[in-house]
C-alpha atoms as a PDB file:
ATOM      1  CA  UNK A   1     -65.301 -35.330 -56.003  1.00  0.00           C
ATOM      2  CA  UNK A   2     -61.877 -34.054 -55.221  1.00  0.00           C
ATOM      3  CA  UNK A   3     -61.556 -30.618 -53.747  1.00  0.00           C
ATOM      4  CA  UNK A   4     -60.513 -27.772 -56.089  1.00  0.00           C
ATOM      5  CA  UNK A   5     -57.576 -25.812 -54.718  1.00  0.00           C
ATOM      6  CA  UNK A   6     -57.164 -22.040 -55.362  1.00  0.00           C
ATOM      7  CA  UNK A   7     -53.749 -20.348 -54.608  1.00  0.00           C
ATOM      8  CA  UNK A   8     -53.579 -16.602 -54.673  1.00  0.00           C
ATOM      9  CA  UNK A   9     -50.873 -14.202 -53.603  1.00  0.00           C
ATOM     10  CA  UNK A  10     -48.945 -11.082 -54.577  1.00  0.00           C
ATOM     11  CA  UNK A  11     -46.338 -11.184 -57.182  1.00  0.00           C
ATOM     12  CA  UNK A  12     -43.081 -13.017 -56.341  1.00  0.00           C
ATOM     13  CA  UNK A  13     -44.711 -14.698 -53.292  1.00  0.00           C
ATOM     14  CA  UNK A  14     -43.666 -18.210 -54.458  1.00  0.00           C
ATOM     15  CA  UNK A  15     -47.050 -19.292 -55.787  1.00  0.00           C
ATOM     16  CA  UNK A  16     -45.791 -21.305 -58.707  1.00  0.00           C
ATOM     17  CA  UNK A  17     -43.390 -23.413 -56.674  1.00  0.00           C
ATOM     18  CA  UNK A  18     -46.059 -23.923 -53.963  1.00  0.00           C
ATOM     19  CA  UNK A  19     -48.591 -25.147 -56.533  1.00  0.00           C
ATOM     20  CA  UNK A  20     -46.091 -27.739 -58.037  1.00  0.00           C
ATOM     21  CA  UNK A  21     -45.459 -29.110 -54.553  1.00  0.00           C
ATOM     22  CA  UNK A  22     -49.180 -29.334 -53.919  1.00  0.00           C
ATOM     23  CA  UNK A  23     -49.763 -30.992 -57.324  1.00  0.00           C
ATOM     24  CA  UNK A  24     -47.155 -33.706 -56.597  1.00  0.00           C
ATOM     25  CA  UNK A  25     -48.860 -34.440 -53.306  1.00  0.00           C
ATOM     26  CA  UNK A  26     -52.446 -34.461 -54.634  1.00  0.00           C
ATOM     27  CA  UNK A  27     -51.980 -35.868 -58.084  1.00  0.00           C
ATOM     28  CA  UNK A  28     -52.979 -32.546 -59.405  1.00  0.00           C
ATOM     29  CA  UNK A  29     -52.991 -30.338 -62.626  1.00  0.00           C
ATOM     30  CA  UNK A  30     -52.132 -26.632 -62.503  1.00  0.00           C
ATOM     31  CA  UNK A  31     -54.362 -23.962 -64.032  1.00  0.00           C
ATOM     32  CA  UNK A  32     -53.151 -20.400 -64.652  1.00  0.00           C
ATOM     33  CA  UNK A  33     -55.141 -17.692 -62.812  1.00  0.00           C
ATOM     34  CA  UNK A  34     -52.835 -14.754 -63.775  1.00  0.00           C
ATOM     35  CA  UNK A  35     -54.045 -12.275 -66.302  1.00  0.00           C
ATOM     36  CA  UNK A  36     -50.634 -11.647 -67.762  1.00  0.00           C
ATOM     37  CA  UNK A  37     -49.284 -15.186 -67.876  1.00  0.00           C
ATOM     38  CA  UNK A  38     -51.883 -16.097 -70.511  1.00  0.00           C
ATOM     39  CA  UNK A  39     -49.900 -14.077 -73.147  1.00  0.00           C
ATOM     40  CA  UNK A  40     -47.592 -15.835 -75.410  1.00  0.00           C
ATOM     41  CA  UNK A  41     -45.009 -13.133 -75.685  1.00  0.00           C
ATOM     42  CA  UNK A  42     -44.822 -12.581 -71.883  1.00  0.00           C
ATOM     43  CA  UNK A  43     -42.689 -15.476 -70.714  1.00  0.00           C
ATOM     44  CA  UNK A  44     -40.083 -13.712 -68.741  1.00  0.00           C
ATOM     45  CA  UNK A  45     -41.674 -10.389 -67.733  1.00  0.00           C
ATOM     46  CA  UNK A  46     -44.932 -12.057 -66.533  1.00  0.00           C
ATOM     47  CA  UNK A  47     -42.682 -14.621 -64.539  1.00  0.00           C
ATOM     48  CA  UNK A  48     -44.460 -17.438 -66.345  1.00  0.00           C
ATOM     49  CA  UNK A  49     -43.220 -20.731 -65.148  1.00  0.00           C
ATOM     50  CA  UNK A  50     -40.545 -22.229 -67.366  1.00  0.00           C
ATOM     51  CA  UNK A  51     -40.623 -25.886 -68.475  1.00  0.00           C
ATOM     52  CA  UNK A  52     -37.880 -26.801 -65.881  1.00  0.00           C
ATOM     53  CA  UNK A  53     -40.055 -25.298 -63.148  1.00  0.00           C
ATOM     54  CA  UNK A  54     -43.211 -27.260 -64.218  1.00  0.00           C
ATOM     55  CA  UNK A  55     -41.442 -30.478 -63.062  1.00  0.00           C
ATOM     56  CA  UNK A  56     -43.633 -32.688 -65.405  1.00  0.00           C
ATOM     57  CA  UNK A  57     -46.840 -31.483 -63.895  1.00  0.00           C
ATOM     58  CA  UNK A  58     -49.541 -30.618 -66.436  1.00  0.00           C
ATOM     59  CA  UNK A  59     -49.935 -26.824 -66.741  1.00  0.00           C
ATOM     60  CA  UNK A  60     -52.967 -25.228 -68.516  1.00  0.00           C
ATOM     61  CA  UNK A  61     -53.865 -21.770 -69.908  1.00  0.00           C
ATOM     62  CA  UNK A  62     -50.273 -20.495 -69.812  1.00  0.00           C
ATOM     63  CA  UNK A  63     -48.915 -18.464 -72.794  1.00  0.00           C
ATOM     64  CA  UNK A  64     -51.728 -19.397 -75.120  1.00  0.00           C
ATOM     65  CA  UNK A  65     -53.153 -15.925 -76.095  1.00  0.00           C
ATOM     66  CA  UNK A  66     -51.730 -13.470 -78.657  1.00  0.00           C
ATOM     67  CA  UNK A  67     -50.831 -10.128 -76.937  1.00  0.00           C
ATOM     68  CA  UNK A  68     -52.981  -8.216 -79.383  1.00  0.00           C
ATOM     69  CA  UNK A  69     -56.174  -9.843 -77.899  1.00  0.00           C
ATOM     70  CA  UNK A  70     -58.103  -8.095 -75.191  1.00  0.00           C
ATOM     71  CA  UNK A  71     -58.444 -11.118 -73.088  1.00  0.00           C
ATOM     72  CA  UNK A  72     -60.852 -10.682 -70.152  1.00  0.00           C
ATOM     73  CA  UNK A  73     -62.108 -12.253 -66.965  1.00  0.00           C
ATOM     74  CA  UNK A  74     -65.065 -13.524 -68.937  1.00  0.00           C
ATOM     75  CA  UNK A  75     -62.755 -15.193 -71.508  1.00  0.00           C
ATOM     76  CA  UNK A  76     -60.929 -16.863 -68.764  1.00  0.00           C
ATOM     77  CA  UNK A  77     -64.074 -18.115 -67.056  1.00  0.00           C
ATOM     78  CA  UNK A  78     -65.336 -19.625 -70.259  1.00  0.00           C
ATOM     79  CA  UNK A  79     -61.988 -21.543 -70.644  1.00  0.00           C
ATOM     80  CA  UNK A  80     -61.464 -22.627 -67.097  1.00  0.00           C
ATOM     81  CA  UNK A  81     -64.875 -24.054 -66.303  1.00  0.00           C
ATOM     82  CA  UNK A  82     -64.742 -26.981 -68.741  1.00  0.00           C
ATOM     83  CA  UNK A  83     -61.109 -27.461 -68.001  1.00  0.00           C
ATOM     84  CA  UNK A  84     -61.794 -28.081 -64.265  1.00  0.00           C
ATOM     85  CA  UNK A  85     -64.632 -30.444 -65.209  1.00  0.00           C
ATOM     86  CA  UNK A  86     -62.206 -32.436 -67.452  1.00  0.00           C
ATOM     87  CA  UNK A  87     -59.523 -32.602 -64.791  1.00  0.00           C
ATOM     88  CA  UNK A  88     -61.969 -33.851 -62.140  1.00  0.00           C
ATOM     89  CA  UNK A  89     -63.380 -36.330 -64.602  1.00  0.00           C
ATOM     90  CA  UNK A  90     -59.921 -37.873 -65.103  1.00  0.00           C
ATOM     91  CA  UNK A  91     -59.569 -38.316 -61.307  1.00  0.00           C
ATOM     92  CA  UNK A  92     -57.017 -35.477 -60.955  1.00  0.00           C
ATOM     93  CA  UNK A  93     -56.985 -32.451 -58.587  1.00  0.00           C
ATOM     94  CA  UNK A  94     -57.430 -28.973 -60.184  1.00  0.00           C
ATOM     95  CA  UNK A  95     -55.059 -26.520 -58.697  1.00  0.00           C
ATOM     96  CA  UNK A  96     -55.619 -22.895 -59.740  1.00  0.00           C
ATOM     97  CA  UNK A  97     -52.742 -20.504 -59.147  1.00  0.00           C
ATOM     98  CA  UNK A  98     -52.242 -16.760 -59.806  1.00  0.00           C
ATOM     99  CA  UNK A  99     -52.176 -13.211 -58.656  1.00  0.00           C
ATOM    100  CA  UNK A 100     -55.293 -11.846 -60.271  1.00  0.00           C
ATOM    101  CA  UNK A 101     -57.743 -11.818 -57.494  1.00  0.00           C
ATOM    102  CA  UNK A 102     -60.638 -10.797 -59.878  1.00  0.00           C
ATOM    103  CA  UNK A 103     -60.297 -14.204 -61.598  1.00  0.00           C
ATOM    104  CA  UNK A 104     -60.751 -15.969 -58.252  1.00  0.00           C
ATOM    105  CA  UNK A 105     -63.679 -13.651 -57.220  1.00  0.00           C
ATOM    106  CA  UNK A 106     -65.440 -14.428 -60.392  1.00  0.00           C
ATOM    107  CA  UNK A 107     -64.852 -18.149 -60.129  1.00  0.00           C
ATOM    108  CA  UNK A 108     -66.055 -18.389 -56.585  1.00  0.00           C
ATOM    109  CA  UNK A 109     -68.583 -15.570 -56.420  1.00  0.00           C
ATOM    110  CA  UNK A 110     -69.744 -15.186 -59.997  1.00  0.00           C
ATOM    111  CA  UNK A 111     -69.349 -12.638 -62.881  1.00  0.00           C
ATOM    112  CA  UNK A 112     -71.873 -10.261 -63.808  1.00  0.00           C
ATOM    113  CA  UNK A 113     -73.893 -11.016 -66.915  1.00  0.00           C
ATOM    114  CA  UNK A 114     -74.118  -7.588 -68.467  1.00  0.00           C
ATOM    115  CA  UNK A 115     -76.253  -7.084 -71.636  1.00  0.00           C
ATOM    116  CA  UNK A 116     -74.718  -5.482 -74.633  1.00  0.00           C
ATOM    117  CA  UNK A 117     -75.041  -1.732 -74.681  1.00  0.00           C
ATOM    118  CA  UNK A 118     -74.224   1.013 -77.251  1.00  0.00           C
ATOM    119  CA  UNK A 119     -70.623   1.585 -77.965  1.00  0.00           C
ATOM    120  CA  UNK A 120     -71.434   5.287 -77.624  1.00  0.00           C
ATOM    121  CA  UNK A 121     -71.304   4.813 -73.757  1.00  0.00           C
ATOM    122  CA  UNK A 122     -67.784   3.495 -74.032  1.00  0.00           C
ATOM    123  CA  UNK A 123     -66.760   6.391 -76.293  1.00  0.00           C
ATOM    124  CA  UNK A 124     -68.303   8.790 -73.772  1.00  0.00           C
ATOM    125  CA  UNK A 125     -66.343   7.350 -70.902  1.00  0.00           C
ATOM    126  CA  UNK A 126     -63.125   7.365 -72.863  1.00  0.00           C
ATOM    127  CA  UNK A 127     -63.601  11.021 -73.871  1.00  0.00           C
ATOM    128  CA  UNK A 128     -63.762  11.949 -70.200  1.00  0.00           C
ATOM    129  CA  UNK A 129     -60.462  10.237 -69.733  1.00  0.00           C
ATOM    130  CA  UNK A 130     -58.889  11.751 -72.768  1.00  0.00           C
ATOM    131  CA  UNK A 131     -60.095  15.244 -72.194  1.00  0.00           C
ATOM    132  CA  UNK A 132     -60.135  15.644 -68.474  1.00  0.00           C
ATOM    133  CA  UNK A 133     -57.795  12.888 -67.082  1.00  0.00           C
ATOM    134  CA  UNK A 134     -57.949  10.073 -64.721  1.00  0.00           C
ATOM    135  CA  UNK A 135     -59.117  12.030 -61.762  1.00  0.00           C
ATOM    136  CA  UNK A 136     -62.122  13.386 -63.643  1.00  0.00           C
ATOM    137  CA  UNK A 137     -62.981   9.825 -64.681  1.00  0.00           C
ATOM    138  CA  UNK A 138     -62.669   8.565 -61.087  1.00  0.00           C
ATOM    139  CA  UNK A 139     -64.995  11.447 -59.832  1.00  0.00           C
ATOM    140  CA  UNK A 140     -67.504  10.454 -62.441  1.00  0.00           C
ATOM    141  CA  UNK A 141     -67.321   6.735 -61.571  1.00  0.00           C
ATOM    142  CA  UNK A 142     -67.727   7.537 -57.864  1.00  0.00           C
ATOM    143  CA  UNK A 143     -70.804   9.608 -58.627  1.00  0.00           C
ATOM    144  CA  UNK A 144     -72.403   6.940 -60.933  1.00  0.00           C
ATOM    145  CA  UNK A 145     -71.421   3.885 -58.805  1.00  0.00           C
ATOM    146  CA  UNK A 146     -69.843   4.603 -55.336  1.00  0.00           C
ATOM    147  CA  UNK A 147     -69.859   0.759 -54.437  1.00  0.00           C
ATOM    148  CA  UNK A 148     -67.926  -0.375 -57.396  1.00  0.00           C
ATOM    149  CA  UNK A 149     -65.597   2.642 -57.394  1.00  0.00           C
ATOM    150  CA  UNK A 150     -64.597   2.007 -53.842  1.00  0.00           C
ATOM    151  CA  UNK A 151     -63.044  -1.236 -54.889  1.00  0.00           C
ATOM    152  CA  UNK A 152     -60.783   0.249 -57.494  1.00  0.00           C
ATOM    153  CA  UNK A 153     -57.270   0.790 -55.893  1.00  0.00           C
ATOM    154  CA  UNK A 154     -55.145   3.640 -57.380  1.00  0.00           C
ATOM    155  CA  UNK A 155     -55.391   4.864 -60.970  1.00  0.00           C
ATOM    156  CA  UNK A 156     -56.861   1.949 -62.810  1.00  0.00           C
ATOM    157  CA  UNK A 157     -58.374   3.406 -66.070  1.00  0.00           C
ATOM    158  CA  UNK A 158     -59.608   0.153 -67.497  1.00  0.00           C
ATOM    159  CA  UNK A 159     -61.767  -0.644 -64.340  1.00  0.00           C
ATOM    160  CA  UNK A 160     -62.995   3.065 -63.971  1.00  0.00           C
ATOM    161  CA  UNK A 161     -63.974   3.159 -67.744  1.00  0.00           C
ATOM    162  CA  UNK A 162     -65.872  -0.126 -67.194  1.00  0.00           C
ATOM    163  CA  UNK A 163     -67.773   1.403 -64.313  1.00  0.00           C
ATOM    164  CA  UNK A 164     -68.730   4.469 -66.132  1.00  0.00           C
ATOM    165  CA  UNK A 165     -69.567   2.842 -69.562  1.00  0.00           C
ATOM    166  CA  UNK A 166     -71.738   0.042 -67.865  1.00  0.00           C
ATOM    167  CA  UNK A 167     -73.635   2.629 -65.753  1.00  0.00           C
ATOM    168  CA  UNK A 168     -74.220   4.952 -68.825  1.00  0.00           C
ATOM    169  CA  UNK A 169     -74.918   2.089 -71.339  1.00  0.00           C
ATOM    170  CA  UNK A 170     -77.343   0.012 -69.283  1.00  0.00           C
ATOM    171  CA  UNK A 171     -78.773   2.666 -66.942  1.00  0.00           C
ATOM    172  CA  UNK A 172     -77.790   0.455 -63.969  1.00  0.00           C
ATOM    173  CA  UNK A 173     -74.690   0.597 -61.937  1.00  0.00           C
ATOM    174  CA  UNK A 174     -72.084  -2.250 -62.416  1.00  0.00           C
ATOM    175  CA  UNK A 175     -72.378  -3.022 -58.619  1.00  0.00           C
ATOM    176  CA  UNK A 176     -75.996  -3.988 -59.024  1.00  0.00           C
ATOM    177  CA  UNK A 177     -75.203  -6.256 -61.974  1.00  0.00           C
ATOM    178  CA  UNK A 178     -72.558  -7.856 -59.876  1.00  0.00           C
ATOM    179  CA  UNK A 179     -74.907  -8.481 -56.952  1.00  0.00           C
ATOM    180  CA  UNK A 180     -76.925 -10.619 -59.211  1.00  0.00           C
ATOM    181  CA  UNK A 181     -74.258 -13.160 -59.989  1.00  0.00           C
ATOM    182  CA  UNK A 182     -73.858 -16.829 -59.269  1.00  0.00           C
ATOM    183  CA  UNK A 183     -70.513 -18.734 -58.466  1.00  0.00           C
ATOM    184  CA  UNK A 184     -68.992 -21.058 -60.984  1.00  0.00           C
ATOM    185  CA  UNK A 185     -67.655 -23.118 -58.110  1.00  0.00           C
ATOM    186  CA  UNK A 186     -70.344 -23.814 -55.553  1.00  0.00           C
ATOM    187  CA  UNK A 187     -69.426 -23.546 -51.767  1.00  0.00           C
ATOM    188  CA  UNK A 188     -67.792 -26.768 -50.382  1.00  0.00           C
ATOM    189  CA  UNK A 189     -66.221 -27.688 -53.681  1.00  0.00           C
ATOM    190  CA  UNK A 190     -63.087 -25.644 -53.411  1.00  0.00           C
ATOM    191  CA  UNK A 191     -60.519 -24.409 -50.794  1.00  0.00           C
ATOM    192  CA  UNK A 192     -58.733 -21.048 -51.040  1.00  0.00           C
ATOM    193  CA  UNK A 193     -55.119 -20.245 -49.837  1.00  0.00           C
ATOM    194  CA  UNK A 194     -53.389 -16.926 -49.899  1.00  0.00           C
ATOM    195  CA  UNK A 195     -49.634 -16.746 -49.684  1.00  0.00           C
ATOM    196  CA  UNK A 196     -48.694 -13.568 -47.729  1.00  0.00           C
ATOM    197  CA  UNK A 197     -44.938 -13.606 -46.927  1.00  0.00           C
ATOM    198  CA  UNK A 198     -43.572 -10.758 -44.830  1.00  0.00           C
ATOM    199  CA  UNK A 199     -43.414  -7.612 -46.924  1.00  0.00           C
ATOM    200  CA  UNK A 200     -39.768  -6.859 -46.446  1.00  0.00           C
ATOM    201  CA  UNK A 201     -38.921 -10.328 -47.636  1.00  0.00           C
ATOM    202  CA  UNK A 202     -41.288 -10.011 -50.527  1.00  0.00           C
ATOM    203  CA  UNK A 203     -39.750  -6.698 -51.634  1.00  0.00           C
ATOM    204  CA  UNK A 204     -36.274  -8.212 -51.458  1.00  0.00           C
ATOM    205  CA  UNK A 205     -37.368 -11.187 -53.580  1.00  0.00           C
ATOM    206  CA  UNK A 206     -38.936  -8.757 -56.116  1.00  0.00           C
ATOM    207  CA  UNK A 207     -35.745  -6.963 -56.637  1.00  0.00           C
ATOM    208  CA  UNK A 208     -33.672 -10.104 -56.939  1.00  0.00           C
ATOM    209  CA  UNK A 209     -36.238 -11.593 -59.415  1.00  0.00           C
ATOM    210  CA  UNK A 210     -36.410  -8.580 -61.719  1.00  0.00           C
ATOM    211  CA  UNK A 211     -32.598  -8.554 -61.862  1.00  0.00           C
ATOM    212  CA  UNK A 212     -32.839 -12.250 -62.787  1.00  0.00           C
ATOM    213  CA  UNK A 213     -35.509 -11.348 -65.440  1.00  0.00           C
ATOM    214  CA  UNK A 214     -33.027  -9.058 -67.138  1.00  0.00           C
ATOM    215  CA  UNK A 215     -30.309 -11.742 -67.185  1.00  0.00           C
ATOM    216  CA  UNK A 216     -32.822 -14.266 -68.462  1.00  0.00           C
ATOM    217  CA  UNK A 217     -33.822 -12.194 -71.480  1.00  0.00           C
ATOM    218  CA  UNK A 218     -36.370  -9.691 -70.166  1.00  0.00           C
ATOM    219  CA  UNK A 219     -34.885  -6.981 -72.231  1.00  0.00           C
ATOM    220  CA  UNK A 220     -34.923  -9.003 -75.434  1.00  0.00           C
ATOM    221  CA  UNK A 221     -38.613  -9.881 -74.682  1.00  0.00           C
ATOM    222  CA  UNK A 222     -39.507  -6.245 -74.219  1.00  0.00           C
ATOM    223  CA  UNK A 223     -37.835  -5.402 -77.620  1.00  0.00           C
ATOM    224  CA  UNK A 224     -39.835  -8.173 -79.342  1.00  0.00           C
ATOM    225  CA  UNK A 225     -43.139  -6.708 -78.007  1.00  0.00           C
ATOM    226  CA  UNK A 226     -42.082  -3.167 -78.905  1.00  0.00           C
ATOM    227  CA  UNK A 227     -41.551  -4.305 -82.426  1.00  0.00           C
ATOM    228  CA  UNK A 228     -45.047  -5.592 -82.626  1.00  0.00           C
ATOM    229  CA  UNK A 229     -46.287  -1.961 -82.335  1.00  0.00           C
ATOM    230  CA  UNK A 230     -49.330  -2.863 -80.226  1.00  0.00           C
ATOM    231  CA  UNK A 231     -51.755  -0.381 -78.705  1.00  0.00           C
ATOM    232  CA  UNK A 232     -50.557   0.717 -75.265  1.00  0.00           C
ATOM    233  CA  UNK A 233     -53.986   0.286 -73.742  1.00  0.00           C
ATOM    234  CA  UNK A 234     -53.991  -3.455 -74.396  1.00  0.00           C
ATOM    235  CA  UNK A 235     -53.999  -5.630 -71.306  1.00  0.00           C
ATOM    236  CA  UNK A 236     -50.742  -7.322 -72.268  1.00  0.00           C
ATOM    237  CA  UNK A 237     -49.058  -3.987 -72.392  1.00  0.00           C
ATOM    238  CA  UNK A 238     -49.626  -3.546 -68.666  1.00  0.00           C
ATOM    239  CA  UNK A 239     -46.887  -5.995 -67.648  1.00  0.00           C
ATOM    240  CA  UNK A 240     -44.801  -4.277 -64.987  1.00  0.00           C
ATOM    241  CA  UNK A 241     -41.328  -3.612 -66.388  1.00  0.00           C
ATOM    242  CA  UNK A 242     -42.497  -3.530 -69.966  1.00  0.00           C
ATOM    243  CA  UNK A 243     -43.026   0.275 -69.972  1.00  0.00           C
ATOM    244  CA  UNK A 244     -39.832   0.946 -68.213  1.00  0.00           C
ATOM    245  CA  UNK A 245     -37.740  -1.237 -70.518  1.00  0.00           C
ATOM    246  CA  UNK A 246     -39.496   0.236 -73.627  1.00  0.00           C
ATOM    247  CA  UNK A 247     -38.353   3.772 -72.366  1.00  0.00           C
ATOM    248  CA  UNK A 248     -34.812   2.462 -72.421  1.00  0.00           C
ATOM    249  CA  UNK A 249     -35.168   0.934 -75.818  1.00  0.00           C
ATOM    250  CA  UNK A 250     -36.503   4.246 -77.253  1.00  0.00           C
ATOM    251  CA  UNK A 251     -33.448   6.024 -75.775  1.00  0.00           C
ATOM    252  CA  UNK A 252     -35.557   7.977 -73.141  1.00  0.00           C
ATOM    253  CA  UNK A 253     -33.663   6.689 -70.086  1.00  0.00           C
ATOM    254  CA  UNK A 254     -30.731   4.531 -68.975  1.00  0.00           C
ATOM    255  CA  UNK A 255     -30.945   0.834 -68.391  1.00  0.00           C
ATOM    256  CA  UNK A 256     -30.039   1.292 -64.724  1.00  0.00           C
ATOM    257  CA  UNK A 257     -32.879   3.798 -64.268  1.00  0.00           C
ATOM    258  CA  UNK A 258     -35.295   1.657 -66.062  1.00  0.00           C
ATOM    259  CA  UNK A 259     -34.551  -1.281 -63.974  1.00  0.00           C
ATOM    260  CA  UNK A 260     -34.670   0.682 -60.803  1.00  0.00           C
ATOM    261  CA  UNK A 261     -38.138   2.174 -61.759  1.00  0.00           C
ATOM    262  CA  UNK A 262     -39.508  -1.297 -62.784  1.00  0.00           C
ATOM    263  CA  UNK A 263     -38.454  -2.693 -59.301  1.00  0.00           C
ATOM    264  CA  UNK A 264     -40.146   0.172 -57.626  1.00  0.00           C
ATOM    265  CA  UNK A 265     -43.310  -0.282 -59.646  1.00  0.00           C
ATOM    266  CA  UNK A 266     -43.405  -3.897 -59.020  1.00  0.00           C
ATOM    267  CA  UNK A 267     -43.145  -3.405 -55.200  1.00  0.00           C
ATOM    268  CA  UNK A 268     -45.879  -0.813 -55.362  1.00  0.00           C
ATOM    269  CA  UNK A 269     -47.985  -3.327 -57.339  1.00  0.00           C
ATOM    270  CA  UNK A 270     -47.307  -6.051 -54.798  1.00  0.00           C
ATOM    271  CA  UNK A 271     -48.299  -3.624 -52.036  1.00  0.00           C
ATOM    272  CA  UNK A 272     -51.640  -3.103 -53.638  1.00  0.00           C
ATOM    273  CA  UNK A 273     -52.116  -6.811 -54.289  1.00  0.00           C
ATOM    274  CA  UNK A 274     -51.278  -7.497 -50.718  1.00  0.00           C
ATOM    275  CA  UNK A 275     -53.895  -5.035 -49.391  1.00  0.00           C
ATOM    276  CA  UNK A 276     -56.528  -6.187 -51.886  1.00  0.00           C
ATOM    277  CA  UNK A 277     -55.995 -10.031 -51.087  1.00  0.00           C
ATOM    278  CA  UNK A 278     -56.134  -9.499 -47.300  1.00  0.00           C
ATOM    279  CA  UNK A 279     -59.263  -7.294 -47.684  1.00  0.00           C
ATOM    280  CA  UNK A 280     -61.182  -9.301 -50.217  1.00  0.00           C
ATOM    281  CA  UNK A 281     -60.087 -12.846 -49.371  1.00  0.00           C
ATOM    282  CA  UNK A 282     -59.997 -12.577 -45.523  1.00  0.00           C
ATOM    283  CA  UNK A 283     -61.982 -15.878 -45.288  1.00  0.00           C
ATOM    284  CA  UNK A 284     -59.262 -17.827 -47.243  1.00  0.00           C
ATOM    285  CA  UNK A 285     -56.490 -19.654 -45.343  1.00  0.00           C
ATOM    286  CA  UNK A 286     -53.511 -17.280 -45.109  1.00  0.00           C
ATOM    287  CA  UNK A 287     -49.999 -18.848 -45.383  1.00  0.00           C
END
């Protein structure tokens, strides 16, 4: 059986181009492993590969989900598993590429099979966030599940809410559920690579790329999503640059300030990705 290749890296590290080169060499097909590039309305702001960049290489799981859907790691695993099998059965090489480290961790280490629990636990966790703020939610999460909370970088309400609601809803910390998982890809069937360019070069690329995004229709894309009137807590609404451009659309800031802030937020995001990938994927080949 052909080896399955997994390519991770921070935003703007050149993953898409690298994957295409590898696919040409290995007769491969590319599978998306980025949580934002699955959304149909996020072509530009998610840096989803354009048709010209795909260079006649089959690409899968890109832009196939409506932004109103709460697409999760579990959804992705259920789609990617049979897809990998199909590609291998046709004698091709699966090449997974993206910046969502949790997707790769779930694929190679497993995803916790958590039983259903009362929605009241979710509502209780949300009430802490709404009433007392993100710091109170983090303190509660750290008290209930120190192991899982230590892996949450920065203020990530979605993951903190998950830790609290699972602990309260099942009576068992999320980290214990995660310790009972099994990998989708067994050891020896896959090879992992992490693209880690020099940070100063990466930050320069981020600035240039976001300026290109604006020229290529990023603002118009933000306006289309704004017109959909979606809930701000949906995963698709977390695309970096979307909130900043929406502030401009609403007349709350100038376009120059919105672009400057979006670039800054993207650099911060890349820094968090860089730290997470180096720490969580230290056994992957670093390029």
